[in-house]
Amino acid sequence: MNFHKTLTIAVAMTATASAMANTLDPNNPSGTVVDRFADIKVMRYVVPGRDILWDQNGKYNLPIRQLLESVYTNYTGDRSSEEFRNFELYLKQVEFGNGVYHHYSTDKFTPRFSQKWFDAQVSALEKADRLPVNKSQLPVLAKVIFDSSFMPKRVNQAAGQDLITTSAVNMYENITQPEVEAYYAALKDTTDLTPVSYGLNSRLVKDADGNITELHCTYDPDSRSGMPGASRKVKGTLHWVSAAHAVDATARVYDRLFNVENPSAEEGDFRDLLNPDSLKVIEGVKVEPFIAENARRGEKFQFQRIGYFTPDYDSTPGNLIFNRTIALKDSWEKVQKKNV
């Protein structure tokens, strides 16, 4: 009897859709097969909340996914090379497993491509100003991918070991298994015949005094713009653009022409004072469909955390081009303090 079966899974495609599935067949509707590899058949379904699962499965899963997908979509080399094909296989495993761990064994996937090759692709992203994560994250992300001894299992159930401290799941921070068990044991009502399930969609952390605190994340619809609760003061706002529905554009990011405040007061050739980063052209920028539909001359749009942009005279509906007119924050004062 052949026990080798083909596993079928419904892969949740959120607004930030999988680069692999979209590249393989962007026109497949929900419920159709988008890929097959090894003994796995992958089907596409639209299921909200997949990123929550990625985050719960591992602290670094989401930034790793962003980095891997960016390497995949921006790669300009030979896609039939052994290094790239091994990278592609690893990306498929990660996309399928909702993170860098196997969905059954919970062991971390082993990449067959070299770290030297991967580092070269990340460097290319950085030079093209397409790095999707903070540069300071790169060392730990590389360690998660290539160091088999670092955070090796999503869930470790080995006898005699601390289940919490030796597992990579992102539901606890600096907390041990006895502390978790004691915390939830204190919450239970032994007289309740229908007890709730504790710990769902929450995270246990310790506050400044070492006390265990349970964090929950909820969505308040009244906090949206124009709603009664929109005027409340919040610590921060999350911004995102649906990559699956966005429109590609080119952004021309203009900065000061010279590296000094008053070039005429300086000695020597003024060309030596030119700012090499006075213009950065970034292609493949994702913009909301609303912006694409209203990108007329003279219109102004704020690109989050970057500045204000206006359509270029050469911009067309099929080739959107935006020029930055002013940054959100002027870094000149910071540059001046650095040079003092």
C-alpha atoms as a PDB file:
ATOM      1  CA  MET A   1       0.000   0.000   0.000  1.00  0.00           C
ATOM      2  CA  ASN A   2       1.274   3.442  -0.883  1.00  0.00           C
ATOM      3  CA  PHE A   3       1.024   5.773   2.107  1.00  0.00           C
ATOM      4  CA  HIS A   4       2.474   8.688   0.150  1.00  0.00           C
ATOM      5  CA  LYS A   5      -0.381  11.165  -0.191  1.00  0.00           C
ATOM      6  CA  THR A   6      -0.805  14.511  -1.813  1.00  0.00           C
ATOM      7  CA  LEU A   7      -1.579  17.114   0.791  1.00  0.00           C
ATOM      8  CA  THR A   8      -4.040  19.856  -0.152  1.00  0.00           C
ATOM      9  CA  ILE A   9      -4.108  23.078   1.808  1.00  0.00           C
ATOM     10  CA  ALA A  10      -6.074  26.303   1.602  1.00  0.00           C
ATOM     11  CA  VAL A  11      -3.511  29.073   1.677  1.00  0.00           C
ATOM     12  CA  ALA A  12      -4.892  32.331   3.049  1.00  0.00           C
ATOM     13  CA  MET A  13      -4.081  35.201   0.725  1.00  0.00           C
ATOM     14  CA  THR A  14      -4.351  38.471   2.635  1.00  0.00           C
ATOM     15  CA  ALA A  15      -4.195  41.989   1.225  1.00  0.00           C
ATOM     16  CA  THR A  16      -0.421  41.686   1.106  1.00  0.00           C
ATOM     17  CA  ALA A  17      -0.725  38.722  -1.209  1.00  0.00           C
ATOM     18  CA  SER A  18       1.930  36.048  -1.546  1.00  0.00           C
ATOM     19  CA  ALA A  19       4.554  36.951  -4.102  1.00  0.00           C
ATOM     20  CA  MET A  20       4.891  33.313  -5.069  1.00  0.00           C
ATOM     21  CA  ALA A  21       1.213  32.661  -5.767  1.00  0.00           C
ATOM     22  CA  ASN A  22       0.706  35.957  -7.548  1.00  0.00           C
ATOM     23  CA  THR A  23       3.741  35.440  -9.763  1.00  0.00           C
ATOM     24  CA  LEU A  24       2.808  31.869 -10.616  1.00  0.00           C
ATOM     25  CA  ASP A  25      -0.701  32.759 -11.752  1.00  0.00           C
ATOM     26  CA  PRO A  26      -2.148  36.165 -10.757  1.00  0.00           C
ATOM     27  CA  ASN A  27      -5.501  35.470 -12.448  1.00  0.00           C
ATOM     28  CA  ASN A  28      -6.491  32.345 -10.503  1.00  0.00           C
ATOM     29  CA  PRO A  29      -9.701  32.963  -8.552  1.00  0.00           C
ATOM     30  CA  SER A  30     -10.247  31.755  -5.013  1.00  0.00           C
ATOM     31  CA  GLY A  31     -10.340  27.976  -4.687  1.00  0.00           C
ATOM     32  CA  THR A  32      -8.072  27.106  -7.613  1.00  0.00           C
ATOM     33  CA  VAL A  33      -4.685  25.414  -7.608  1.00  0.00           C
ATOM     34  CA  VAL A  34      -1.802  27.887  -7.867  1.00  0.00           C
ATOM     35  CA  ASP A  35       1.194  25.593  -7.426  1.00  0.00           C
ATOM     36  CA  ARG A  36       2.463  22.059  -6.822  1.00  0.00           C
ATOM     37  CA  PHE A  37       5.803  21.114  -5.346  1.00  0.00           C
ATOM     38  CA  ALA A  38       7.122  17.983  -3.628  1.00  0.00           C
ATOM     39  CA  ASP A  39       3.981  16.162  -2.379  1.00  0.00           C
ATOM     40  CA  ILE A  40       2.039  19.373  -1.821  1.00  0.00           C
ATOM     41  CA  LYS A  41      -0.775  20.979  -3.798  1.00  0.00           C
ATOM     42  CA  VAL A  42      -1.436  24.640  -2.982  1.00  0.00           C
ATOM     43  CA  MET A  43      -4.838  26.232  -3.438  1.00  0.00           C
ATOM     44  CA  ARG A  44      -5.767  29.895  -3.115  1.00  0.00           C
ATOM     45  CA  TYR A  45      -8.422  31.170  -0.743  1.00  0.00           C
ATOM     46  CA  VAL A  46      -8.996  34.657   0.591  1.00  0.00           C
ATOM     47  CA  VAL A  47      -9.002  34.350   4.378  1.00  0.00           C
ATOM     48  CA  PRO A  48      -8.481  37.488   6.502  1.00  0.00           C
ATOM     49  CA  GLY A  49      -6.061  37.374   9.414  1.00  0.00           C
ATOM     50  CA  ARG A  50      -3.281  35.232   8.009  1.00  0.00           C
ATOM     51  CA  ASP A  51      -0.622  37.678   9.193  1.00  0.00           C
ATOM     52  CA  ILE A  52      -1.755  37.103  12.781  1.00  0.00           C
ATOM     53  CA  LEU A  53      -0.937  33.409  12.384  1.00  0.00           C
ATOM     54  CA  TRP A  54       2.452  34.223  10.847  1.00  0.00           C
ATOM     55  CA  ASP A  55       3.276  36.479  13.772  1.00  0.00           C
ATOM     56  CA  GLN A  56       2.149  33.926  16.352  1.00  0.00           C
ATOM     57  CA  ASN A  57       4.231  31.206  14.688  1.00  0.00           C
ATOM     58  CA  GLY A  58       7.459  33.163  15.115  1.00  0.00           C
ATOM     59  CA  LYS A  59       8.723  36.583  16.133  1.00  0.00           C
ATOM     60  CA  TYR A  60      10.627  37.127  12.878  1.00  0.00           C
ATOM     61  CA  ASN A  61       8.285  35.440  10.394  1.00  0.00           C
ATOM     62  CA  LEU A  62       6.713  38.592   8.955  1.00  0.00           C
ATOM     63  CA  PRO A  63       9.939  40.542   8.287  1.00  0.00           C
ATOM     64  CA  ILE A  64      11.529  37.369   6.869  1.00  0.00           C
ATOM     65  CA  ARG A  65       8.575  36.943   4.515  1.00  0.00           C
ATOM     66  CA  GLN A  66       8.862  40.567   3.399  1.00  0.00           C
ATOM     67  CA  LEU A  67      12.563  40.123   2.727  1.00  0.00           C
ATOM     68  CA  LEU A  68      12.197  36.812   0.869  1.00  0.00           C
ATOM     69  CA  GLU A  69       9.357  38.077  -1.315  1.00  0.00           C
ATOM     70  CA  SER A  70      11.270  41.243  -2.132  1.00  0.00           C
ATOM     71  CA  VAL A  71      14.307  39.205  -3.202  1.00  0.00           C
ATOM     72  CA  TYR A  72      12.068  36.982  -5.333  1.00  0.00           C
ATOM     73  CA  THR A  73      10.181  39.766  -7.108  1.00  0.00           C
ATOM     74  CA  ASN A  74      13.243  41.974  -7.690  1.00  0.00           C
ATOM     75  CA  TYR A  75      15.711  39.273  -8.743  1.00  0.00           C
ATOM     76  CA  THR A  76      17.213  40.041 -12.168  1.00  0.00           C
ATOM     77  CA  GLY A  77      19.645  37.122 -12.468  1.00  0.00           C
ATOM     78  CA  ASP A  78      19.283  33.661 -13.975  1.00  0.00           C
ATOM     79  CA  ARG A  79      16.118  32.134 -12.519  1.00  0.00           C
ATOM     80  CA  SER A  80      17.125  28.705 -13.768  1.00  0.00           C
ATOM     81  CA  SER A  81      20.324  28.718 -11.680  1.00  0.00           C
ATOM     82  CA  GLU A  82      20.658  26.214  -8.843  1.00  0.00           C
ATOM     83  CA  GLU A  83      20.922  28.957  -6.207  1.00  0.00           C
ATOM     84  CA  PHE A  84      17.716  30.655  -7.305  1.00  0.00           C
ATOM     85  CA  ARG A  85      15.784  27.395  -7.696  1.00  0.00           C
ATOM     86  CA  ASN A  86      16.822  26.390  -4.158  1.00  0.00           C
ATOM     87  CA  PHE A  87      15.772  29.818  -2.928  1.00  0.00           C
ATOM     88  CA  GLU A  88      12.424  29.477  -4.693  1.00  0.00           C
ATOM     89  CA  LEU A  89      11.837  26.096  -3.022  1.00  0.00           C
ATOM     90  CA  TYR A  90      12.627  27.586   0.387  1.00  0.00           C
ATOM     91  CA  LEU A  91      10.225  30.468  -0.226  1.00  0.00           C
ATOM     92  CA  LYS A  92       7.472  28.025  -1.160  1.00  0.00           C
ATOM     93  CA  GLN A  93       8.076  26.085   2.049  1.00  0.00           C
ATOM     94  CA  VAL A  94       7.914  29.276   4.098  1.00  0.00           C
ATOM     95  CA  GLU A  95       4.738  30.483   2.373  1.00  0.00           C
ATOM     96  CA  PHE A  96       3.102  27.089   2.828  1.00  0.00           C
ATOM     97  CA  GLY A  97       4.130  26.761   6.474  1.00  0.00           C
ATOM     98  CA  ASN A  98       3.031  30.268   7.480  1.00  0.00           C
ATOM     99  CA  GLY A  99       6.575  30.905   8.575  1.00  0.00           C
ATOM    100  CA  VAL A 100      10.029  29.339   8.660  1.00  0.00           C
ATOM    101  CA  TYR A 101       8.854  26.194  10.491  1.00  0.00           C
ATOM    102  CA  HIS A 102       7.394  22.976   9.117  1.00  0.00           C
ATOM    103  CA  HIS A 103       3.650  22.814   9.700  1.00  0.00           C
ATOM    104  CA  TYR A 104       3.814  19.240  11.105  1.00  0.00           C
ATOM    105  CA  SER A 105       7.221  18.650  12.665  1.00  0.00           C
ATOM    106  CA  THR A 106       7.596  22.345  13.719  1.00  0.00           C
ATOM    107  CA  ASP A 107      11.300  22.050  12.805  1.00  0.00           C
ATOM    108  CA  LYS A 108      12.886  24.994  11.044  1.00  0.00           C
ATOM    109  CA  PHE A 109      13.289  24.702   7.277  1.00  0.00           C
ATOM    110  CA  THR A 110      16.857  24.301   6.039  1.00  0.00           C
ATOM    111  CA  PRO A 111      17.779  26.568   3.111  1.00  0.00           C
ATOM    112  CA  ARG A 112      19.743  24.946   0.289  1.00  0.00           C
ATOM    113  CA  PHE A 113      20.932  28.248  -1.150  1.00  0.00           C
ATOM    114  CA  SER A 114      24.103  29.819   0.223  1.00  0.00           C
ATOM    115  CA  GLN A 115      24.184  32.746   2.607  1.00  0.00           C
ATOM    116  CA  LYS A 116      26.741  34.413   0.322  1.00  0.00           C
ATOM    117  CA  TRP A 117      24.220  34.379  -2.549  1.00  0.00           C
ATOM    118  CA  PHE A 118      21.433  35.619  -0.292  1.00  0.00           C
ATOM    119  CA  ASP A 119      23.560  38.437   1.144  1.00  0.00           C
ATOM    120  CA  ALA A 120      24.325  39.580  -2.397  1.00  0.00           C
ATOM    121  CA  GLN A 121      20.608  39.789  -3.218  1.00  0.00           C
ATOM    122  CA  VAL A 122      19.888  41.744  -0.021  1.00  0.00           C
ATOM    123  CA  SER A 123      22.713  44.154  -0.867  1.00  0.00           C
ATOM    124  CA  ALA A 124      21.176  44.659  -4.309  1.00  0.00           C
ATOM    125  CA  LEU A 125      17.843  45.523  -2.687  1.00  0.00           C
ATOM    126  CA  GLU A 126      19.537  48.036  -0.418  1.00  0.00           C
ATOM    127  CA  LYS A 127      21.356  49.715  -3.316  1.00  0.00           C
ATOM    128  CA  ALA A 128      18.078  49.965  -5.244  1.00  0.00           C
ATOM    129  CA  ASP A 129      16.360  51.433  -2.167  1.00  0.00           C
ATOM    130  CA  ARG A 130      13.965  48.478  -2.085  1.00  0.00           C
ATOM    131  CA  LEU A 131      14.885  46.960   1.262  1.00  0.00           C
ATOM    132  CA  PRO A 132      11.494  46.151   2.855  1.00  0.00           C
ATOM    133  CA  VAL A 133      12.793  45.844   6.428  1.00  0.00           C
ATOM    134  CA  ASN A 134      14.916  47.959   8.719  1.00  0.00           C
ATOM    135  CA  LYS A 135      18.601  47.433   7.986  1.00  0.00           C
ATOM    136  CA  SER A 136      19.260  46.828  11.685  1.00  0.00           C
ATOM    137  CA  GLN A 137      17.084  43.684  11.467  1.00  0.00           C
ATOM    138  CA  LEU A 138      19.202  41.988   8.799  1.00  0.00           C
ATOM    139  CA  PRO A 139      21.711  40.220  11.115  1.00  0.00           C
ATOM    140  CA  VAL A 140      19.052  38.523  13.231  1.00  0.00           C
ATOM    141  CA  LEU A 141      16.901  37.640  10.193  1.00  0.00           C
ATOM    142  CA  ALA A 142      19.912  35.992   8.544  1.00  0.00           C
ATOM    143  CA  LYS A 143      20.633  34.137  11.777  1.00  0.00           C
ATOM    144  CA  VAL A 144      17.093  32.776  11.912  1.00  0.00           C
ATOM    145  CA  ILE A 145      17.319  31.583   8.308  1.00  0.00           C
ATOM    146  CA  PHE A 146      20.832  30.093   8.284  1.00  0.00           C
ATOM    147  CA  ASP A 147      21.724  29.157  11.896  1.00  0.00           C
ATOM    148  CA  SER A 148      20.039  25.818  12.551  1.00  0.00           C
ATOM    149  CA  SER A 149      20.724  26.052  16.310  1.00  0.00           C
ATOM    150  CA  PHE A 150      19.021  29.443  16.715  1.00  0.00           C
ATOM    151  CA  MET A 151      15.291  29.158  17.511  1.00  0.00           C
ATOM    152  CA  PRO A 152      15.256  25.655  15.952  1.00  0.00           C
ATOM    153  CA  LYS A 153      11.636  24.665  16.702  1.00  0.00           C
ATOM    154  CA  ARG A 154       8.335  26.471  16.582  1.00  0.00           C
ATOM    155  CA  VAL A 155       7.028  24.251  19.399  1.00  0.00           C
ATOM    156  CA  ASN A 156       9.338  22.081  21.479  1.00  0.00           C
ATOM    157  CA  GLN A 157       7.629  19.288  23.387  1.00  0.00           C
ATOM    158  CA  ALA A 158      10.726  17.357  24.401  1.00  0.00           C
ATOM    159  CA  ALA A 159      10.447  15.852  27.873  1.00  0.00           C
ATOM    160  CA  GLY A 160      12.276  17.673  30.619  1.00  0.00           C
ATOM    161  CA  GLN A 161      12.618  20.964  28.703  1.00  0.00           C
ATOM    162  CA  ASP A 162      10.815  24.248  29.212  1.00  0.00           C
ATOM    163  CA  LEU A 163       8.101  24.316  26.557  1.00  0.00           C
ATOM    164  CA  ILE A 164       7.913  28.118  26.561  1.00  0.00           C
ATOM    165  CA  THR A 165      11.552  29.199  26.577  1.00  0.00           C
ATOM    166  CA  THR A 166      12.640  26.617  23.985  1.00  0.00           C
ATOM    167  CA  SER A 167       9.799  27.288  21.527  1.00  0.00           C
ATOM    168  CA  ALA A 168       9.853  30.028  18.896  1.00  0.00           C
ATOM    169  CA  VAL A 169       6.138  30.848  19.044  1.00  0.00           C
ATOM    170  CA  ASN A 170       5.635  34.567  19.544  1.00  0.00           C
ATOM    171  CA  MET A 171       3.090  34.450  22.368  1.00  0.00           C
ATOM    172  CA  TYR A 172       5.477  34.955  25.275  1.00  0.00           C
ATOM    173  CA  GLU A 173       8.391  37.260  26.035  1.00  0.00           C
ATOM    174  CA  ASN A 174      11.002  36.413  28.706  1.00  0.00           C
ATOM    175  CA  ILE A 175       8.589  34.104  30.522  1.00  0.00           C
ATOM    176  CA  THR A 176       9.030  30.481  31.613  1.00  0.00           C
ATOM    177  CA  GLN A 177       6.593  27.580  31.415  1.00  0.00           C
ATOM    178  CA  PRO A 178       5.961  27.461  35.209  1.00  0.00           C
ATOM    179  CA  GLU A 179       5.184  31.201  35.167  1.00  0.00           C
ATOM    180  CA  VAL A 180       2.696  30.785  32.312  1.00  0.00           C
ATOM    181  CA  GLU A 181       0.976  27.840  33.965  1.00  0.00           C
ATOM    182  CA  ALA A 182       0.738  29.680  37.283  1.00  0.00           C
ATOM    183  CA  TYR A 183      -0.651  32.807  35.608  1.00  0.00           C
ATOM    184  CA  TYR A 184      -3.497  31.015  33.834  1.00  0.00           C
ATOM    185  CA  ALA A 185      -4.187  28.701  36.776  1.00  0.00           C
ATOM    186  CA  ALA A 186      -4.888  31.785  38.896  1.00  0.00           C
ATOM    187  CA  LEU A 187      -7.480  32.987  36.355  1.00  0.00           C
ATOM    188  CA  LYS A 188      -9.489  29.786  36.243  1.00  0.00           C
ATOM    189  CA  ASP A 189     -12.802  29.462  38.036  1.00  0.00           C
ATOM    190  CA  THR A 190     -13.039  25.850  39.208  1.00  0.00           C
ATOM    191  CA  THR A 191     -16.819  26.188  39.578  1.00  0.00           C
ATOM    192  CA  ASP A 192     -17.354  27.183  35.954  1.00  0.00           C
ATOM    193  CA  LEU A 193     -18.676  24.199  33.993  1.00  0.00           C
ATOM    194  CA  THR A 194     -18.056  25.921  30.620  1.00  0.00           C
ATOM    195  CA  PRO A 195     -14.682  27.642  31.035  1.00  0.00           C
ATOM    196  CA  VAL A 196     -13.244  29.850  28.332  1.00  0.00           C
ATOM    197  CA  SER A 197      -9.984  29.057  26.548  1.00  0.00           C
ATOM    198  CA  TYR A 198      -7.296  31.261  28.004  1.00  0.00           C
ATOM    199  CA  GLY A 199      -4.427  32.718  26.005  1.00  0.00           C
ATOM    200  CA  LEU A 200      -6.134  32.924  22.605  1.00  0.00           C
ATOM    201  CA  ASN A 201      -4.938  35.855  20.471  1.00  0.00           C
ATOM    202  CA  SER A 202      -3.010  37.327  23.362  1.00  0.00           C
ATOM    203  CA  ARG A 203       0.605  37.643  24.416  1.00  0.00           C
ATOM    204  CA  LEU A 204       2.164  37.341  27.856  1.00  0.00           C
ATOM    205  CA  VAL A 205       4.930  39.792  28.711  1.00  0.00           C
ATOM    206  CA  LYS A 206       6.489  41.227  31.859  1.00  0.00           C
ATOM    207  CA  ASP A 207       6.154  44.878  32.774  1.00  0.00           C
ATOM    208  CA  ALA A 208       8.913  47.052  34.238  1.00  0.00           C
ATOM    209  CA  ASP A 209       8.268  45.599  37.695  1.00  0.00           C
ATOM    210  CA  GLY A 210       8.472  41.995  36.523  1.00  0.00           C
ATOM    211  CA  ASN A 211       4.737  41.390  36.721  1.00  0.00           C
ATOM    212  CA  ILE A 212       3.178  39.229  34.004  1.00  0.00           C
ATOM    213  CA  THR A 213       0.722  41.122  31.803  1.00  0.00           C
ATOM    214  CA  GLU A 214      -1.557  39.760  29.100  1.00  0.00           C
ATOM    215  CA  LEU A 215      -1.685  41.891  25.951  1.00  0.00           C
ATOM    216  CA  HIS A 216      -4.675  41.890  23.637  1.00  0.00           C
ATOM    217  CA  CYS A 217      -5.101  43.631  20.307  1.00  0.00           C
ATOM    218  CA  THR A 218      -8.547  44.781  19.181  1.00  0.00           C
ATOM    219  CA  TYR A 219      -9.897  46.903  16.339  1.00  0.00           C
ATOM    220  CA  ASP A 220     -12.081  49.911  17.166  1.00  0.00           C
ATOM    221  CA  PRO A 221     -14.120  50.981  14.088  1.00  0.00           C
ATOM    222  CA  ASP A 222     -15.020  54.311  15.779  1.00  0.00           C
ATOM    223  CA  SER A 223     -11.372  55.363  15.564  1.00  0.00           C
ATOM    224  CA  ARG A 224     -11.559  55.774  11.792  1.00  0.00           C
ATOM    225  CA  SER A 225     -11.432  59.221  10.221  1.00  0.00           C
ATOM    226  CA  GLY A 226     -14.806  60.950  10.438  1.00  0.00           C
ATOM    227  CA  MET A 227     -16.087  58.704  13.219  1.00  0.00           C
ATOM    228  CA  PRO A 228     -16.971  59.878  16.762  1.00  0.00           C
ATOM    229  CA  GLY A 229     -13.781  58.486  18.284  1.00  0.00           C
ATOM    230  CA  ALA A 230     -11.404  59.779  15.609  1.00  0.00           C
ATOM    231  CA  SER A 231     -10.272  62.718  17.757  1.00  0.00           C
ATOM    232  CA  ARG A 232      -8.781  60.552  20.498  1.00  0.00           C
ATOM    233  CA  LYS A 233      -5.039  60.595  21.049  1.00  0.00           C
ATOM    234  CA  VAL A 234      -3.297  57.386  20.041  1.00  0.00           C
ATOM    235  CA  LYS A 235       0.304  56.216  20.381  1.00  0.00           C
ATOM    236  CA  GLY A 236       0.629  55.349  16.710  1.00  0.00           C
ATOM    237  CA  THR A 237      -1.215  54.636  13.476  1.00  0.00           C
ATOM    238  CA  LEU A 238      -0.682  51.663  11.183  1.00  0.00           C
ATOM    239  CA  HIS A 239      -0.639  52.373   7.460  1.00  0.00           C
ATOM    240  CA  TRP A 240      -0.694  49.778   4.711  1.00  0.00           C
ATOM    241  CA  VAL A 241      -1.509  49.470   1.030  1.00  0.00           C
ATOM    242  CA  SER A 242      -3.109  46.357  -0.438  1.00  0.00           C
ATOM    243  CA  ALA A 243      -0.420  45.052  -2.789  1.00  0.00           C
ATOM    244  CA  ALA A 244      -3.006  42.861  -4.515  1.00  0.00           C
ATOM    245  CA  HIS A 245      -5.100  45.891  -5.506  1.00  0.00           C
ATOM    246  CA  ALA A 246      -2.441  48.597  -5.714  1.00  0.00           C
ATOM    247  CA  VAL A 247      -1.165  50.318  -8.850  1.00  0.00           C
ATOM    248  CA  ASP A 248       2.544  50.517  -9.684  1.00  0.00           C
ATOM    249  CA  ALA A 249       4.155  53.934  -9.970  1.00  0.00           C
ATOM    250  CA  THR A 250       7.554  55.608 -10.127  1.00  0.00           C
ATOM    251  CA  ALA A 251       8.566  57.991  -7.347  1.00  0.00           C
ATOM    252  CA  ARG A 252      11.220  60.639  -7.865  1.00  0.00           C
ATOM    253  CA  VAL A 253      12.486  61.559  -4.416  1.00  0.00           C
ATOM    254  CA  TYR A 254      14.169  64.958  -4.598  1.00  0.00           C
ATOM    255  CA  ASP A 255      16.472  66.234  -1.867  1.00  0.00           C
ATOM    256  CA  ARG A 256      18.739  69.285  -1.478  1.00  0.00           C
ATOM    257  CA  LEU A 257      21.122  69.869  -4.393  1.00  0.00           C
ATOM    258  CA  PHE A 258      24.178  70.628  -2.247  1.00  0.00           C
ATOM    259  CA  ASN A 259      25.640  69.026   0.858  1.00  0.00           C
ATOM    260  CA  VAL A 260      26.245  72.423   2.466  1.00  0.00           C
ATOM    261  CA  GLU A 261      23.814  75.194   3.342  1.00  0.00           C
ATOM    262  CA  ASN A 262      25.642  77.972   1.460  1.00  0.00           C
ATOM    263  CA  PRO A 263      27.761  76.695  -1.466  1.00  0.00           C
ATOM    264  CA  SER A 264      28.899  80.201  -2.420  1.00  0.00           C
ATOM    265  CA  ALA A 265      30.668  80.551   0.912  1.00  0.00           C
ATOM    266  CA  GLU A 266      32.772  77.453   0.305  1.00  0.00           C
ATOM    267  CA  GLU A 267      36.117  77.270  -1.482  1.00  0.00           C
ATOM    268  CA  GLY A 268      36.967  74.961  -4.369  1.00  0.00           C
ATOM    269  CA  ASP A 269      34.903  73.459  -7.160  1.00  0.00           C
ATOM    270  CA  PHE A 270      31.182  73.716  -6.427  1.00  0.00           C
ATOM    271  CA  ARG A 271      30.684  70.344  -8.101  1.00  0.00           C
ATOM    272  CA  ASP A 272      32.441  68.718  -5.169  1.00  0.00           C
ATOM    273  CA  LEU A 273      29.619  70.009  -2.972  1.00  0.00           C
ATOM    274  CA  LEU A 274      26.818  68.383  -4.965  1.00  0.00           C
ATOM    275  CA  ASN A 275      24.617  65.928  -3.084  1.00  0.00           C
ATOM    276  CA  PRO A 276      24.816  62.537  -4.879  1.00  0.00           C
ATOM    277  CA  ASP A 277      21.440  61.628  -3.352  1.00  0.00           C
ATOM    278  CA  SER A 278      19.667  64.769  -4.540  1.00  0.00           C
ATOM    279  CA  LEU A 279      17.480  62.537  -6.726  1.00  0.00           C
ATOM    280  CA  LYS A 280      16.470  58.937  -6.127  1.00  0.00           C
ATOM    281  CA  VAL A 281      14.213  57.246  -8.662  1.00  0.00           C
ATOM    282  CA  ILE A 282      12.221  54.403  -7.107  1.00  0.00           C
ATOM    283  CA  GLU A 283      10.231  52.180  -9.442  1.00  0.00           C
ATOM    284  CA  GLY A 284       7.521  49.717  -8.516  1.00  0.00           C
ATOM    285  CA  VAL A 285       6.040  51.920  -5.768  1.00  0.00           C
ATOM    286  CA  LYS A 286       2.587  50.698  -4.691  1.00  0.00           C
ATOM    287  CA  VAL A 287      -0.117  53.384  -4.602  1.00  0.00           C
ATOM    288  CA  GLU A 288      -3.820  53.250  -3.834  1.00  0.00           C
ATOM    289  CA  PRO A 289      -6.167  53.009  -6.864  1.00  0.00           C
ATOM    290  CA  PHE A 290      -7.689  56.324  -5.723  1.00  0.00           C
ATOM    291  CA  ILE A 291      -4.365  58.074  -6.309  1.00  0.00           C
ATOM    292  CA  ALA A 292      -4.012  56.503  -9.758  1.00  0.00           C
ATOM    293  CA  GLU A 293      -7.520  57.653 -10.685  1.00  0.00           C
ATOM    294  CA  ASN A 294      -6.909  61.220  -9.508  1.00  0.00           C
ATOM    295  CA  ALA A 295      -3.272  61.752 -10.527  1.00  0.00           C
ATOM    296  CA  ARG A 296      -3.801  65.014 -12.396  1.00  0.00           C
ATOM    297  CA  ARG A 297      -1.357  67.895 -12.760  1.00  0.00           C
ATOM    298  CA  GLY A 298      -1.323  70.098  -9.695  1.00  0.00           C
ATOM    299  CA  GLU A 299      -2.840  67.497  -7.372  1.00  0.00           C
ATOM    300  CA  LYS A 300      -0.923  66.807  -4.145  1.00  0.00           C
ATOM    301  CA  PHE A 301      -0.695  63.524  -2.243  1.00  0.00           C
ATOM    302  CA  GLN A 302       1.071  62.533   0.958  1.00  0.00           C
ATOM    303  CA  PHE A 303       3.064  59.332   0.713  1.00  0.00           C
ATOM    304  CA  GLN A 304       3.224  58.054   4.272  1.00  0.00           C
ATOM    305  CA  ARG A 305       6.475  58.794   6.134  1.00  0.00           C
ATOM    306  CA  ILE A 306       8.117  60.069   2.937  1.00  0.00           C
ATOM    307  CA  GLY A 307       6.615  63.439   2.032  1.00  0.00           C
ATOM    308  CA  TYR A 308       4.265  65.190  -0.362  1.00  0.00           C
ATOM    309  CA  PHE A 309       4.215  64.239  -4.044  1.00  0.00           C
ATOM    310  CA  THR A 310       2.657  65.653  -7.201  1.00  0.00           C
ATOM    311  CA  PRO A 311       2.240  63.985 -10.618  1.00  0.00           C
ATOM    312  CA  ASP A 312       5.014  64.689 -13.116  1.00  0.00           C
ATOM    313  CA  TYR A 313       4.093  66.328 -16.429  1.00  0.00           C
ATOM    314  CA  ASP A 314       5.139  63.108 -18.180  1.00  0.00           C
ATOM    315  CA  SER A 315       2.893  60.982 -15.954  1.00  0.00           C
ATOM    316  CA  THR A 316       0.143  59.008 -17.709  1.00  0.00           C
ATOM    317  CA  PRO A 317      -2.477  56.543 -16.422  1.00  0.00           C
ATOM    318  CA  GLY A 318      -0.338  53.698 -17.742  1.00  0.00           C
ATOM    319  CA  ASN A 319       2.959  55.136 -16.482  1.00  0.00           C
ATOM    320  CA  LEU A 320       2.430  56.969 -13.202  1.00  0.00           C
ATOM    321  CA  ILE A 321       5.297  59.244 -12.117  1.00  0.00           C
ATOM    322  CA  PHE A 322       5.276  61.291  -8.902  1.00  0.00           C
ATOM    323  CA  ASN A 323       7.786  63.940  -7.812  1.00  0.00           C
ATOM    324  CA  ARG A 324       8.412  64.734  -4.171  1.00  0.00           C
ATOM    325  CA  THR A 325       7.868  68.428  -3.457  1.00  0.00           C
ATOM    326  CA  ILE A 326       8.730  68.421   0.238  1.00  0.00           C
ATOM    327  CA  ALA A 327       9.695  65.880   2.893  1.00  0.00           C
ATOM    328  CA  LEU A 328       7.632  65.381   6.044  1.00  0.00           C
ATOM    329  CA  LYS A 329      10.640  66.246   8.208  1.00  0.00           C
ATOM    330  CA  ASP A 330      13.639  68.385   7.350  1.00  0.00           C
ATOM    331  CA  SER A 331      16.807  66.495   8.266  1.00  0.00           C
ATOM    332  CA  TRP A 332      19.062  69.516   7.666  1.00  0.00           C
ATOM    333  CA  GLU A 333      19.225  70.394  11.361  1.00  0.00           C
ATOM    334  CA  LYS A 334      20.271  66.838  12.158  1.00  0.00           C
ATOM    335  CA  VAL A 335      22.989  67.015   9.491  1.00  0.00           C
ATOM    336  CA  GLN A 336      24.226  70.320  10.917  1.00  0.00           C
ATOM    337  CA  LYS A 337      24.484  68.908  14.443  1.00  0.00           C
ATOM    338  CA  LYS A 338      26.366  65.884  13.114  1.00  0.00           C
ATOM    339  CA  ASN A 339      28.964  68.110  11.442  1.00  0.00           C
ATOM    340  CA  VAL A 340      29.527  70.290  14.516  1.00  0.00           C
END
